[in-house]
């Protein structure tokens, strides 16, 4: 499948990161191919490929350049050809997109002018650079939102687990806590002790979860880097640190009731218990 462009203007409208050859090959009637397409098909610059129209008319074309493109993006085509070459084999090609460069650069006013010039047609999508970028990253954003929702549910479940664990611990250690109170430990000290235990549990869980998450992300990336062009592993240190802090805050909140219960232990009854 060939995507036809105007060789004289396409370089000013779309940014082609040419790896081999030159985009000037389009003027000569040659084609330029994306790096992932070339890697999949085993193509290289200078190679001649056969062309065939739907009515079996045959021809050939030469690869003049290889450029970098994201396989998941619809902005840069996998095969770029001059309009003249496409017209030779297809008299009525489909128009998938029309890139537009406006005087003064992109902006809300330019976007409104183009939309009005097209008759405010709801069947035509007029997108600026930010909207195109958001459209390309939309599916990934949706997946991240699902993961964030699952993470929130896991945090609630973990907080309930910590609260239950501490409550059971306080119940089983009533005598020890009563003894500490009898030796002079005040209620604030008991509360602080239970809260520190909650922070240790939450910190351990958050650390192990972060390490395992980074490892699984790296392992998954290793399986995808051969099929996703330009893949690089980026660790969001700020978000990872924020996740650990949220886990610690959740553990601290989960310790409020067990800590209060421990602080209110009856000293006499606790020390007399067998």
C-alpha atoms as a PDB file:
ATOM      1  CA  UNK A   1       0.000   0.000   0.000  1.00  0.00           C
ATOM      2  CA  UNK A   2       1.471   3.337  -1.115  1.00  0.00           C
ATOM      3  CA  UNK A   3       0.723   6.700   0.505  1.00  0.00           C
ATOM      4  CA  UNK A   4       1.064   9.481  -2.040  1.00  0.00           C
ATOM      5  CA  UNK A   5       2.443  12.901  -1.068  1.00  0.00           C
ATOM      6  CA  UNK A   6       3.568  16.066  -2.823  1.00  0.00           C
ATOM      7  CA  UNK A   7       7.395  15.822  -2.851  1.00  0.00           C
ATOM      8  CA  UNK A   8       7.747  19.598  -3.005  1.00  0.00           C
ATOM      9  CA  UNK A   9       5.887  20.315   0.250  1.00  0.00           C
ATOM     10  CA  UNK A  10       5.825  17.157   2.383  1.00  0.00           C
ATOM     11  CA  UNK A  11       9.188  17.937   4.013  1.00  0.00           C
ATOM     12  CA  UNK A  12       7.769  21.215   5.380  1.00  0.00           C
ATOM     13  CA  UNK A  13       4.597  19.597   6.713  1.00  0.00           C
ATOM     14  CA  UNK A  14       5.811  16.369   8.287  1.00  0.00           C
ATOM     15  CA  UNK A  15       9.130  15.750   9.992  1.00  0.00           C
ATOM     16  CA  UNK A  16      10.858  12.764   8.406  1.00  0.00           C
ATOM     17  CA  UNK A  17      13.821  11.447  10.383  1.00  0.00           C
ATOM     18  CA  UNK A  18      15.726   9.991   7.405  1.00  0.00           C
ATOM     19  CA  UNK A  19      18.116   7.196   8.384  1.00  0.00           C
ATOM     20  CA  UNK A  20      19.389   6.242   4.911  1.00  0.00           C
ATOM     21  CA  UNK A  21      19.192   7.942   1.541  1.00  0.00           C
ATOM     22  CA  UNK A  22      17.369  11.236   1.018  1.00  0.00           C
ATOM     23  CA  UNK A  23      13.758  12.373   0.831  1.00  0.00           C
ATOM     24  CA  UNK A  24      14.634  13.965  -2.515  1.00  0.00           C
ATOM     25  CA  UNK A  25      14.174  10.494  -3.977  1.00  0.00           C
ATOM     26  CA  UNK A  26      10.435  11.234  -4.150  1.00  0.00           C
ATOM     27  CA  UNK A  27      11.098  13.830  -6.839  1.00  0.00           C
ATOM     28  CA  UNK A  28      12.798  11.089  -8.892  1.00  0.00           C
ATOM     29  CA  UNK A  29       9.737   8.832  -8.671  1.00  0.00           C
ATOM     30  CA  UNK A  30      11.209   6.579  -5.996  1.00  0.00           C
ATOM     31  CA  UNK A  31       9.694   5.679  -2.616  1.00  0.00           C
ATOM     32  CA  UNK A  32      10.739   6.072   0.998  1.00  0.00           C
ATOM     33  CA  UNK A  33       9.902   3.372   3.550  1.00  0.00           C
ATOM     34  CA  UNK A  34       9.671   3.329   7.355  1.00  0.00           C
ATOM     35  CA  UNK A  35      12.423   1.522   9.237  1.00  0.00           C
ATOM     36  CA  UNK A  36      10.051  -0.988  10.867  1.00  0.00           C
ATOM     37  CA  UNK A  37       8.585  -1.852   7.447  1.00  0.00           C
ATOM     38  CA  UNK A  38      12.040  -2.257   5.944  1.00  0.00           C
ATOM     39  CA  UNK A  39      13.105  -4.472   8.850  1.00  0.00           C
ATOM     40  CA  UNK A  40       9.999  -6.661   8.559  1.00  0.00           C
ATOM     41  CA  UNK A  41      10.300  -7.117   4.790  1.00  0.00           C
ATOM     42  CA  UNK A  42      14.115  -7.152   4.553  1.00  0.00           C
ATOM     43  CA  UNK A  43      14.224  -4.072   2.288  1.00  0.00           C
ATOM     44  CA  UNK A  44      17.135  -1.675   1.807  1.00  0.00           C
ATOM     45  CA  UNK A  45      17.953   1.512  -0.077  1.00  0.00           C
ATOM     46  CA  UNK A  46      18.485   0.870  -3.774  1.00  0.00           C
ATOM     47  CA  UNK A  47      16.311  -2.252  -3.871  1.00  0.00           C
ATOM     48  CA  UNK A  48      13.704  -2.508  -6.646  1.00  0.00           C
ATOM     49  CA  UNK A  49      10.240  -3.730  -5.673  1.00  0.00           C
ATOM     50  CA  UNK A  50       7.424  -4.992  -7.914  1.00  0.00           C
ATOM     51  CA  UNK A  51       4.156  -3.069  -8.095  1.00  0.00           C
ATOM     52  CA  UNK A  52       0.781  -4.519  -9.034  1.00  0.00           C
ATOM     53  CA  UNK A  53      -2.532  -2.753  -9.479  1.00  0.00           C
ATOM     54  CA  UNK A  54      -5.905  -4.359  -8.786  1.00  0.00           C
ATOM     55  CA  UNK A  55      -6.432  -4.942 -12.502  1.00  0.00           C
ATOM     56  CA  UNK A  56      -3.092  -6.810 -12.587  1.00  0.00           C
ATOM     57  CA  UNK A  57      -1.184  -3.971 -14.250  1.00  0.00           C
ATOM     58  CA  UNK A  58       2.429  -4.441 -13.153  1.00  0.00           C
ATOM     59  CA  UNK A  59       5.448  -2.198 -12.682  1.00  0.00           C
ATOM     60  CA  UNK A  60       8.373  -1.607 -10.361  1.00  0.00           C
ATOM     61  CA  UNK A  61       9.727   1.055  -8.020  1.00  0.00           C
ATOM     62  CA  UNK A  62      13.034   1.689  -6.265  1.00  0.00           C
ATOM     63  CA  UNK A  63      13.576   2.418  -2.575  1.00  0.00           C
ATOM     64  CA  UNK A  64      15.393   5.717  -2.234  1.00  0.00           C
ATOM     65  CA  UNK A  65      15.253   6.361   1.519  1.00  0.00           C
ATOM     66  CA  UNK A  66      14.517   4.762   4.890  1.00  0.00           C
ATOM     67  CA  UNK A  67      13.117   6.897   7.705  1.00  0.00           C
ATOM     68  CA  UNK A  68      12.204   6.298  11.333  1.00  0.00           C
ATOM     69  CA  UNK A  69       8.502   5.970  12.168  1.00  0.00           C
ATOM     70  CA  UNK A  70       6.387   4.544  14.970  1.00  0.00           C
ATOM     71  CA  UNK A  71       4.476   1.469  13.859  1.00  0.00           C
ATOM     72  CA  UNK A  72       1.541   2.421  16.097  1.00  0.00           C
ATOM     73  CA  UNK A  73       1.220   5.978  14.731  1.00  0.00           C
ATOM     74  CA  UNK A  74      -0.951   6.913  11.763  1.00  0.00           C
ATOM     75  CA  UNK A  75       0.828  10.210  11.121  1.00  0.00           C
ATOM     76  CA  UNK A  76       3.804   8.929   9.112  1.00  0.00           C
ATOM     77  CA  UNK A  77       2.962   6.211   6.555  1.00  0.00           C
ATOM     78  CA  UNK A  78       4.882   2.972   6.286  1.00  0.00           C
ATOM     79  CA  UNK A  79       5.563   3.635   2.576  1.00  0.00           C
ATOM     80  CA  UNK A  80       5.745   7.174   1.184  1.00  0.00           C
ATOM     81  CA  UNK A  81       5.485   7.663  -2.581  1.00  0.00           C
ATOM     82  CA  UNK A  82       5.117  10.692  -4.872  1.00  0.00           C
ATOM     83  CA  UNK A  83       1.580  11.540  -6.031  1.00  0.00           C
ATOM     84  CA  UNK A  84       2.612  10.977  -9.632  1.00  0.00           C
ATOM     85  CA  UNK A  85       3.526   7.354  -8.909  1.00  0.00           C
ATOM     86  CA  UNK A  86       0.254   6.669  -7.094  1.00  0.00           C
ATOM     87  CA  UNK A  87      -1.768   8.314  -9.883  1.00  0.00           C
ATOM     88  CA  UNK A  88      -0.082   6.049 -12.432  1.00  0.00           C
ATOM     89  CA  UNK A  89      -1.622   3.000 -10.768  1.00  0.00           C
ATOM     90  CA  UNK A  90      -4.760   4.458  -9.128  1.00  0.00           C
ATOM     91  CA  UNK A  91      -6.825   7.223 -10.744  1.00  0.00           C
ATOM     92  CA  UNK A  92      -9.096   7.627  -7.690  1.00  0.00           C
ATOM     93  CA  UNK A  93      -6.972   7.227  -4.554  1.00  0.00           C
ATOM     94  CA  UNK A  94      -8.476   7.684  -1.104  1.00  0.00           C
ATOM     95  CA  UNK A  95      -7.529  10.806   0.849  1.00  0.00           C
ATOM     96  CA  UNK A  96      -6.702   9.755   4.392  1.00  0.00           C
ATOM     97  CA  UNK A  97      -5.340  13.041   5.777  1.00  0.00           C
ATOM     98  CA  UNK A  98      -4.363  16.544   4.677  1.00  0.00           C
ATOM     99  CA  UNK A  99      -1.505  18.138   6.647  1.00  0.00           C
ATOM    100  CA  UNK A 100      -1.781  21.942   6.807  1.00  0.00           C
ATOM    101  CA  UNK A 101       0.871  24.518   7.723  1.00  0.00           C
ATOM    102  CA  UNK A 102      -0.609  27.875   8.773  1.00  0.00           C
ATOM    103  CA  UNK A 103       1.001  31.313   8.749  1.00  0.00           C
ATOM    104  CA  UNK A 104       2.227  32.091  12.233  1.00  0.00           C
ATOM    105  CA  UNK A 105       2.280  28.458  13.292  1.00  0.00           C
ATOM    106  CA  UNK A 106      -0.411  26.342  14.939  1.00  0.00           C
ATOM    107  CA  UNK A 107      -2.950  27.934  17.222  1.00  0.00           C
ATOM    108  CA  UNK A 108      -6.595  27.985  18.242  1.00  0.00           C
ATOM    109  CA  UNK A 109      -7.399  30.785  15.776  1.00  0.00           C
ATOM    110  CA  UNK A 110      -5.850  28.895  12.853  1.00  0.00           C
ATOM    111  CA  UNK A 111      -7.709  25.744  13.887  1.00  0.00           C
ATOM    112  CA  UNK A 112     -11.006  27.643  13.934  1.00  0.00           C
ATOM    113  CA  UNK A 113     -10.324  29.207  10.542  1.00  0.00           C
ATOM    114  CA  UNK A 114      -9.688  25.822   8.907  1.00  0.00           C
ATOM    115  CA  UNK A 115     -12.773  24.300  10.531  1.00  0.00           C
ATOM    116  CA  UNK A 116     -14.914  27.195   9.280  1.00  0.00           C
ATOM    117  CA  UNK A 117     -13.403  26.958   5.788  1.00  0.00           C
ATOM    118  CA  UNK A 118     -14.469  23.298   5.653  1.00  0.00           C
ATOM    119  CA  UNK A 119     -18.039  24.298   6.459  1.00  0.00           C
ATOM    120  CA  UNK A 120     -17.950  23.105  10.085  1.00  0.00           C
ATOM    121  CA  UNK A 121     -18.469  19.610   8.731  1.00  0.00           C
ATOM    122  CA  UNK A 122     -18.790  17.177  11.674  1.00  0.00           C
ATOM    123  CA  UNK A 123     -17.610  14.325   9.426  1.00  0.00           C
ATOM    124  CA  UNK A 124     -14.172  15.944   9.108  1.00  0.00           C
ATOM    125  CA  UNK A 125     -11.779  15.957  12.064  1.00  0.00           C
ATOM    126  CA  UNK A 126      -9.549  19.030  12.253  1.00  0.00           C
ATOM    127  CA  UNK A 127      -6.733  18.304  14.704  1.00  0.00           C
ATOM    128  CA  UNK A 128      -3.827  20.417  15.870  1.00  0.00           C
ATOM    129  CA  UNK A 129      -0.429  19.081  16.892  1.00  0.00           C
ATOM    130  CA  UNK A 130      -1.495  18.568  20.504  1.00  0.00           C
ATOM    131  CA  UNK A 131      -4.684  16.764  19.456  1.00  0.00           C
ATOM    132  CA  UNK A 132      -2.786  14.460  17.084  1.00  0.00           C
ATOM    133  CA  UNK A 133      -0.309  13.669  19.841  1.00  0.00           C
ATOM    134  CA  UNK A 134      -3.158  12.965  22.273  1.00  0.00           C
ATOM    135  CA  UNK A 135      -4.906  10.770  19.699  1.00  0.00           C
ATOM    136  CA  UNK A 136      -1.763   8.668  19.216  1.00  0.00           C
ATOM    137  CA  UNK A 137      -1.207   8.281  22.963  1.00  0.00           C
ATOM    138  CA  UNK A 138      -4.905   7.814  23.807  1.00  0.00           C
ATOM    139  CA  UNK A 139      -4.928   3.988  23.949  1.00  0.00           C
ATOM    140  CA  UNK A 140      -1.880   3.967  26.226  1.00  0.00           C
ATOM    141  CA  UNK A 141      -3.528   6.558  28.459  1.00  0.00           C
ATOM    142  CA  UNK A 142      -6.666   4.433  28.732  1.00  0.00           C
ATOM    143  CA  UNK A 143      -4.595   1.410  29.751  1.00  0.00           C
ATOM    144  CA  UNK A 144      -2.778   3.472  32.380  1.00  0.00           C
ATOM    145  CA  UNK A 145      -6.117   4.661  33.794  1.00  0.00           C
ATOM    146  CA  UNK A 146      -7.214   1.033  34.170  1.00  0.00           C
ATOM    147  CA  UNK A 147      -3.951   0.206  35.958  1.00  0.00           C
ATOM    148  CA  UNK A 148      -4.374   3.214  38.244  1.00  0.00           C
ATOM    149  CA  UNK A 149      -7.902   2.068  39.136  1.00  0.00           C
ATOM    150  CA  UNK A 150      -6.604  -1.419  39.925  1.00  0.00           C
ATOM    151  CA  UNK A 151      -3.780   0.109  41.965  1.00  0.00           C
ATOM    152  CA  UNK A 152      -6.298   2.139  43.992  1.00  0.00           C
ATOM    153  CA  UNK A 153      -8.319  -0.994  44.735  1.00  0.00           C
ATOM    154  CA  UNK A 154      -5.136  -2.835  45.736  1.00  0.00           C
ATOM    155  CA  UNK A 155      -4.206   0.031  48.066  1.00  0.00           C
ATOM    156  CA  UNK A 156      -7.587  -0.162  49.830  1.00  0.00           C
ATOM    157  CA  UNK A 157      -7.301  -3.943  50.191  1.00  0.00           C
ATOM    158  CA  UNK A 158      -3.730  -3.602  51.496  1.00  0.00           C
ATOM    159  CA  UNK A 159      -4.811  -0.976  54.052  1.00  0.00           C
ATOM    160  CA  UNK A 160      -7.559  -3.273  55.313  1.00  0.00           C
ATOM    161  CA  UNK A 161      -5.033  -6.112  55.539  1.00  0.00           C
ATOM    162  CA  UNK A 162      -2.612  -3.969  57.561  1.00  0.00           C
ATOM    163  CA  UNK A 163      -5.409  -2.829  59.883  1.00  0.00           C
ATOM    164  CA  UNK A 164      -6.505  -6.436  60.438  1.00  0.00           C
ATOM    165  CA  UNK A 165      -2.927  -7.616  61.028  1.00  0.00           C
ATOM    166  CA  UNK A 166      -2.246  -4.876  63.572  1.00  0.00           C
ATOM    167  CA  UNK A 167      -5.569  -5.447  65.327  1.00  0.00           C
ATOM    168  CA  UNK A 168      -4.760  -9.140  65.726  1.00  0.00           C
ATOM    169  CA  UNK A 169      -1.250  -8.242  66.895  1.00  0.00           C
ATOM    170  CA  UNK A 170      -2.615  -5.856  69.541  1.00  0.00           C
ATOM    171  CA  UNK A 171      -5.083  -8.503  70.729  1.00  0.00           C
ATOM    172  CA  UNK A 172      -2.350 -11.137  71.044  1.00  0.00           C
ATOM    173  CA  UNK A 173       0.083  -8.765  72.780  1.00  0.00           C
ATOM    174  CA  UNK A 174      -2.258  -7.235  75.362  1.00  0.00           C
ATOM    175  CA  UNK A 175      -0.112  -8.550  78.213  1.00  0.00           C
ATOM    176  CA  UNK A 176       3.138  -7.201  76.715  1.00  0.00           C
ATOM    177  CA  UNK A 177       1.533  -3.835  76.014  1.00  0.00           C
ATOM    178  CA  UNK A 178       0.098  -3.729  79.549  1.00  0.00           C
ATOM    179  CA  UNK A 179       3.532  -4.526  80.962  1.00  0.00           C
ATOM    180  CA  UNK A 180       5.116  -1.713  78.950  1.00  0.00           C
ATOM    181  CA  UNK A 181       2.454   0.671  80.226  1.00  0.00           C
ATOM    182  CA  UNK A 182       3.098  -0.472  83.777  1.00  0.00           C
ATOM    183  CA  UNK A 183       6.834   0.192  83.314  1.00  0.00           C
ATOM    184  CA  UNK A 184       6.129   3.786  82.331  1.00  0.00           C
ATOM    185  CA  UNK A 185       5.402   3.825  78.594  1.00  0.00           C
ATOM    186  CA  UNK A 186       2.651   6.375  78.036  1.00  0.00           C
ATOM    187  CA  UNK A 187      -0.218   6.147  75.569  1.00  0.00           C
ATOM    188  CA  UNK A 188       1.578   8.311  73.014  1.00  0.00           C
ATOM    189  CA  UNK A 189       4.504   5.891  73.063  1.00  0.00           C
ATOM    190  CA  UNK A 190       2.221   2.900  72.477  1.00  0.00           C
ATOM    191  CA  UNK A 191       0.487   4.699  69.633  1.00  0.00           C
ATOM    192  CA  UNK A 192       3.849   5.603  68.108  1.00  0.00           C
ATOM    193  CA  UNK A 193       5.012   1.977  68.380  1.00  0.00           C
ATOM    194  CA  UNK A 194       1.956   0.625  66.502  1.00  0.00           C
ATOM    195  CA  UNK A 195       2.251   3.311  63.836  1.00  0.00           C
ATOM    196  CA  UNK A 196       5.921   2.482  63.287  1.00  0.00           C
ATOM    197  CA  UNK A 197       4.974  -1.169  62.830  1.00  0.00           C
ATOM    198  CA  UNK A 198       2.411  -0.125  60.211  1.00  0.00           C
ATOM    199  CA  UNK A 199       5.012   1.992  58.403  1.00  0.00           C
ATOM    200  CA  UNK A 200       7.447  -0.932  58.382  1.00  0.00           C
ATOM    201  CA  UNK A 201       4.806  -3.240  56.894  1.00  0.00           C
ATOM    202  CA  UNK A 202       3.702  -0.644  54.330  1.00  0.00           C
ATOM    203  CA  UNK A 203       7.279   0.294  53.420  1.00  0.00           C
ATOM    204  CA  UNK A 204       8.281  -3.337  52.934  1.00  0.00           C
ATOM    205  CA  UNK A 205       5.261  -4.027  50.733  1.00  0.00           C
ATOM    206  CA  UNK A 206       5.729  -0.841  48.696  1.00  0.00           C
ATOM    207  CA  UNK A 207       9.451  -1.530  48.168  1.00  0.00           C
ATOM    208  CA  UNK A 208       8.916  -5.128  47.100  1.00  0.00           C
ATOM    209  CA  UNK A 209       6.019  -4.121  44.855  1.00  0.00           C
ATOM    210  CA  UNK A 210       8.043  -1.345  43.211  1.00  0.00           C
ATOM    211  CA  UNK A 211      11.039  -3.607  42.590  1.00  0.00           C
ATOM    212  CA  UNK A 212       8.842  -6.357  41.140  1.00  0.00           C
ATOM    213  CA  UNK A 213       6.904  -3.844  39.020  1.00  0.00           C
ATOM    214  CA  UNK A 214      10.083  -2.363  37.551  1.00  0.00           C
ATOM    215  CA  UNK A 215      11.427  -5.837  36.835  1.00  0.00           C
ATOM    216  CA  UNK A 216       8.222  -6.975  35.116  1.00  0.00           C
ATOM    217  CA  UNK A 217       8.104  -3.721  33.127  1.00  0.00           C
ATOM    218  CA  UNK A 218      11.691  -4.270  31.997  1.00  0.00           C
ATOM    219  CA  UNK A 219      10.980  -7.917  31.108  1.00  0.00           C
ATOM    220  CA  UNK A 220       7.878  -6.978  29.112  1.00  0.00           C
ATOM    221  CA  UNK A 221       9.818  -4.237  27.343  1.00  0.00           C
ATOM    222  CA  UNK A 222      12.510  -6.723  26.338  1.00  0.00           C
ATOM    223  CA  UNK A 223       9.868  -8.771  24.516  1.00  0.00           C
ATOM    224  CA  UNK A 224       8.488  -5.695  22.728  1.00  0.00           C
ATOM    225  CA  UNK A 225      11.641  -3.826  21.754  1.00  0.00           C
ATOM    226  CA  UNK A 226      12.091  -5.890  18.588  1.00  0.00           C
ATOM    227  CA  UNK A 227       8.588  -5.017  17.322  1.00  0.00           C
ATOM    228  CA  UNK A 228       8.172  -1.443  18.621  1.00  0.00           C
ATOM    229  CA  UNK A 229      10.355   1.012  16.746  1.00  0.00           C
ATOM    230  CA  UNK A 230      12.307   3.404  18.957  1.00  0.00           C
ATOM    231  CA  UNK A 231      11.420   1.611  22.192  1.00  0.00           C
ATOM    232  CA  UNK A 232      13.306   2.857  25.249  1.00  0.00           C
ATOM    233  CA  UNK A 233      12.783   2.052  28.933  1.00  0.00           C
ATOM    234  CA  UNK A 234      12.072   5.190  30.983  1.00  0.00           C
ATOM    235  CA  UNK A 235      11.633   4.904  34.747  1.00  0.00           C
ATOM    236  CA  UNK A 236       9.324   7.611  36.197  1.00  0.00           C
ATOM    237  CA  UNK A 237      11.238   8.104  39.431  1.00  0.00           C
ATOM    238  CA  UNK A 238       8.882  10.817  40.615  1.00  0.00           C
ATOM    239  CA  UNK A 239       5.797   8.617  40.224  1.00  0.00           C
ATOM    240  CA  UNK A 240       7.544   5.655  41.809  1.00  0.00           C
ATOM    241  CA  UNK A 241       8.470   7.768  44.832  1.00  0.00           C
ATOM    242  CA  UNK A 242       4.912   9.131  44.969  1.00  0.00           C
ATOM    243  CA  UNK A 243       3.558   5.573  44.945  1.00  0.00           C
ATOM    244  CA  UNK A 244       5.755   4.622  47.892  1.00  0.00           C
ATOM    245  CA  UNK A 245       4.648   7.727  49.819  1.00  0.00           C
ATOM    246  CA  UNK A 246       0.983   6.955  49.126  1.00  0.00           C
ATOM    247  CA  UNK A 247       1.513   3.388  50.360  1.00  0.00           C
ATOM    248  CA  UNK A 248       3.107   4.688  53.571  1.00  0.00           C
ATOM    249  CA  UNK A 249       0.258   7.152  54.066  1.00  0.00           C
ATOM    250  CA  UNK A 250      -2.261   4.351  53.577  1.00  0.00           C
ATOM    251  CA  UNK A 251      -0.455   2.189  56.121  1.00  0.00           C
ATOM    252  CA  UNK A 252      -0.429   5.075  58.588  1.00  0.00           C
ATOM    253  CA  UNK A 253      -4.176   5.590  58.183  1.00  0.00           C
ATOM    254  CA  UNK A 254      -4.752   1.847  58.607  1.00  0.00           C
ATOM    255  CA  UNK A 255      -2.922   1.955  61.945  1.00  0.00           C
ATOM    256  CA  UNK A 256      -5.159   4.601  63.545  1.00  0.00           C
ATOM    257  CA  UNK A 257      -7.744   2.245  65.043  1.00  0.00           C
ATOM    258  CA  UNK A 258      -5.308  -0.509  66.168  1.00  0.00           C
ATOM    259  CA  UNK A 259      -3.016   2.139  67.683  1.00  0.00           C
ATOM    260  CA  UNK A 260      -5.914   3.705  69.585  1.00  0.00           C
ATOM    261  CA  UNK A 261      -7.015   0.294  70.813  1.00  0.00           C
ATOM    262  CA  UNK A 262      -3.493  -0.508  71.995  1.00  0.00           C
ATOM    263  CA  UNK A 263      -3.210   2.833  73.787  1.00  0.00           C
ATOM    264  CA  UNK A 264      -6.460   2.161  75.673  1.00  0.00           C
ATOM    265  CA  UNK A 265      -5.439  -1.287  76.973  1.00  0.00           C
ATOM    266  CA  UNK A 266      -6.404  -1.733  80.650  1.00  0.00           C
ATOM    267  CA  UNK A 267      -3.068  -2.064  82.452  1.00  0.00           C
ATOM    268  CA  UNK A 268      -4.366  -4.054  85.386  1.00  0.00           C
ATOM    269  CA  UNK A 269      -6.426  -6.482  83.280  1.00  0.00           C
ATOM    270  CA  UNK A 270      -3.639  -6.940  80.740  1.00  0.00           C
ATOM    271  CA  UNK A 271      -0.912  -7.689  83.281  1.00  0.00           C
ATOM    272  CA  UNK A 272      -3.175 -10.054  85.191  1.00  0.00           C
ATOM    273  CA  UNK A 273      -4.062 -12.045  82.036  1.00  0.00           C
ATOM    274  CA  UNK A 274      -2.386 -15.482  81.718  1.00  0.00           C
END
